[in-house]
Protein backbone atom coordinates (compact mmCIF):
# COMPACT_ATOMS: atom_id res chain seq x y z
CA MET A 1 -33.18 52.26 13.38
CA SER A 2 -30.63 50.90 15.55
CA ASP A 3 -30.56 50.05 19.50
CA ALA A 4 -28.15 49.01 21.95
CA ASN A 5 -28.86 45.29 20.60
CA THR A 6 -27.82 45.78 16.64
CA PRO A 7 -24.74 47.51 15.02
CA SER A 8 -25.90 50.21 13.11
CA VAL A 9 -24.29 50.62 9.62
CA HIS A 10 -24.88 54.23 8.30
CA ALA A 11 -23.32 53.55 4.78
CA ALA A 12 -20.93 50.81 3.56
CA ALA A 13 -17.67 52.90 4.08
CA GLU A 14 -18.90 53.37 7.84
CA ALA A 15 -17.65 51.58 11.00
CA PRO A 16 -20.75 49.77 13.07
CA GLU A 17 -21.34 51.48 16.23
CA LEU A 18 -22.22 49.43 19.42
CA GLU A 19 -22.42 49.37 23.21
CA VAL A 20 -19.37 48.66 24.80
CA VAL A 21 -19.13 47.87 28.74
CA ILE A 22 -15.35 48.80 30.14
CA GLU A 23 -14.19 45.73 32.12
CA VAL A 24 -10.60 46.88 32.51
CA PRO A 25 -9.46 50.36 32.63
CA ARG A 26 -6.97 51.66 30.31
CA GLY A 27 -3.71 51.63 32.97
CA SER A 28 -5.22 48.66 35.05
CA PHE A 29 -2.96 45.83 36.22
CA LEU A 30 -6.36 43.85 37.06
CA LYS A 31 -7.74 41.61 34.48
CA ARG A 32 -11.44 41.12 35.05
CA GLY A 33 -13.91 38.76 32.88
CA SER A 34 -16.95 39.71 31.41
CA ILE A 35 -18.86 38.41 34.81
CA GLY A 36 -16.77 40.87 37.04
CA ARG A 37 -14.26 38.32 38.49
CA ILE A 38 -10.73 38.98 38.58
CA ASP A 39 -9.18 36.50 36.04
CA PHE A 40 -5.55 37.68 36.97
CA ILE A 41 -3.37 40.42 37.63
CA SER A 42 -0.98 41.56 34.85
CA PRO A 43 2.66 42.28 35.45
CA PHE A 44 1.83 45.22 32.72
CA PRO A 45 -0.87 47.60 32.67
CA CYS A 46 -3.44 47.19 29.96
CA PRO A 47 -2.89 49.78 27.27
CA PHE A 48 -6.13 50.00 26.09
CA ASN A 49 -9.79 50.65 27.90
CA TYR A 50 -10.84 46.55 27.54
CA GLY A 51 -14.33 45.23 27.85
CA SER A 52 -17.35 43.71 25.80
CA VAL A 53 -20.07 44.25 23.88
CA PRO A 54 -23.16 42.80 26.32
CA ASN A 55 -25.51 41.57 23.25
CA TYR A 56 -22.81 39.27 21.48
CA LEU A 57 -21.14 36.05 22.46
CA GLY A 58 -17.89 35.17 20.60
CA LEU A 59 -16.90 31.59 19.21
CA GLU A 60 -15.29 30.80 22.52
CA GLY A 61 -18.74 31.36 24.30
CA ASP A 62 -18.02 34.63 26.42
CA LEU A 63 -19.00 38.21 25.24
CA LEU A 64 -17.66 39.51 22.26
CA ASP A 65 -14.17 41.47 23.68
CA ALA A 66 -13.74 45.14 22.68
CA LEU A 67 -11.00 47.40 23.40
CA VAL A 68 -11.91 51.38 23.32
CA LEU A 69 -8.83 53.30 22.44
CA GLY A 70 -8.57 56.59 24.07
CA PRO A 71 -8.39 58.15 27.54
CA ARG A 72 -9.05 56.13 30.76
CA LEU A 73 -12.53 54.87 31.22
CA PRO A 74 -13.78 53.81 34.51
CA VAL A 75 -14.85 49.91 35.31
CA GLY A 76 -18.60 49.63 34.17
CA THR A 77 -19.00 52.74 31.79
CA ARG A 78 -21.61 52.09 29.13
CA ILE A 79 -20.23 53.35 26.02
CA ARG A 80 -21.64 53.90 22.31
CA VAL A 81 -18.49 53.65 19.97
CA LYS A 82 -17.77 52.63 16.45
CA ALA A 83 -15.74 49.49 15.61
CA TRP A 84 -13.19 50.07 13.08
CA GLY A 85 -11.63 46.43 13.13
CA ALA A 86 -10.80 43.59 14.85
CA VAL A 87 -7.81 41.41 16.11
CA THR A 88 -8.33 37.74 15.75
CA GLN A 89 -6.88 35.80 18.76
CA THR A 90 -6.73 32.04 19.61
CA ASP A 91 -6.79 31.35 23.05
CA ARG A 92 -6.40 27.58 23.81
CA GLY A 93 -7.35 26.68 20.36
CA MET A 94 -10.94 28.83 20.46
CA VAL A 95 -11.13 31.83 18.18
CA ASP A 96 -11.59 34.91 20.24
CA ASP A 97 -12.32 38.33 18.36
CA LYS A 98 -11.10 41.64 19.75
CA LEU A 99 -13.14 44.53 18.21
CA VAL A 100 -11.09 47.88 18.11
CA CYS A 101 -13.18 50.68 18.82
CA SER A 102 -12.51 54.63 19.03
CA ALA A 103 -14.39 57.83 18.00
CA GLN A 104 -12.14 58.18 15.03
CA PRO A 105 -10.65 55.44 12.72
CA PRO A 106 -7.03 54.10 14.31
CA THR A 107 -4.09 55.10 12.48
CA ALA A 108 -1.71 52.81 11.14
CA ALA A 109 0.29 53.59 13.98
CA GLN A 110 -2.26 52.50 16.38
CA LYS A 111 -3.33 49.47 14.22
CA ALA A 112 0.30 48.28 14.78
CA PHE A 113 0.59 48.91 17.94
CA VAL A 114 -2.65 46.99 18.75
CA LEU A 115 -1.12 44.04 16.78
CA ARG A 116 2.05 44.23 18.71
CA PHE A 117 0.13 43.95 22.10
CA PHE A 118 -1.94 41.29 21.00
CA ARG A 119 0.81 39.22 19.72
CA PHE A 120 2.94 39.92 22.92
CA TYR A 121 -0.36 39.09 25.09
CA ALA A 122 -0.80 35.52 23.19
CA ARG A 123 2.58 34.88 24.56
CA CYS A 124 1.90 35.60 27.77
CA LYS A 125 -1.65 34.13 28.12
CA GLY A 126 -0.09 31.01 26.32
CA LEU A 127 2.22 31.01 29.49
CA LEU A 128 -0.49 31.45 32.20
CA ASN A 129 -2.32 28.32 30.14
CA LEU A 130 0.56 26.26 30.51
CA LEU A 131 1.05 26.76 33.86
CA ARG A 132 -2.80 26.60 34.69
CA GLY A 133 -2.76 23.01 32.63
CA ARG A 134 -5.18 24.54 30.15
CA PRO A 135 -3.82 23.28 26.75
CA GLY A 136 -4.27 24.52 23.32
CA ARG A 137 -2.90 26.98 20.79
CA ASN A 138 -2.28 30.51 21.65
CA GLY A 139 -1.84 32.97 19.04
CA CYS A 140 -2.81 36.41 17.37
CA ASP A 141 -4.24 35.98 13.88
CA GLY A 142 -4.28 39.35 12.49
CA TRP A 143 -6.35 41.67 11.83
CA CYS A 144 -10.13 41.43 9.92
CA SER A 145 -13.14 43.87 9.62
CA ALA A 146 -15.27 44.89 12.44
CA ALA A 147 -18.10 43.06 9.96
CA GLN A 148 -16.15 39.82 10.21
CA ALA A 149 -15.86 39.77 13.75
CA ILE A 150 -19.66 40.50 14.56
CA ALA A 151 -20.75 37.79 11.89
CA ARG A 152 -18.94 35.26 13.61
CA ALA A 153 -20.51 36.27 17.01
CA ARG A 154 -24.11 35.37 17.93
CA PRO A 155 -26.71 37.24 19.64
CA ARG A 156 -26.58 37.07 23.51
CA GLN A 157 -29.69 34.78 25.00
CA GLU A 158 -31.20 36.07 28.19
CA ALA A 159 -30.72 32.46 29.90
CA TRP A 160 -26.56 33.55 29.36
CA SER A 161 -24.87 33.48 32.58
CA GLY A 162 -21.42 33.26 31.65
CA PRO A 163 -18.58 31.59 29.79
CA ALA A 164 -18.74 27.92 29.77
CA VAL A 165 -14.81 27.35 30.38
CA ASP A 166 -12.99 28.87 32.80
CA TYR A 167 -10.30 31.69 31.66
């Protein structure tokens, strides 16, 4: 039996199902962080619903990121959805996995678009970090399985009150 705290895997080939909270609706220019604060205003609209898995922390100490393919979802939407894979990003030298979620497995074209977006995003974030005086490598390190990204994450503890580093 699964609950909102653990991914459910019905069969080896099936994607884990997780709860995702939407922080940035598809088409939004405002990039919000996991605690609701606006991190920056983008010159480009976000092509995905972007949010996080509230019960897991990524390697960089913030909630595990997740994007949800499909129609626009309002800020604050909580949705149970399958994670079909993940994109591994590096932000200021810290690994920052992004689960790729949707009701159906993403097509090859959708996966290619997600990778193109995150390669572009890594360059933009690198420039923003440079302007903010925040050193470290930024890059898109490619696709991995959702299971790999979840295995790198750790369960969120009750005492967690936000990321230890500024974004």
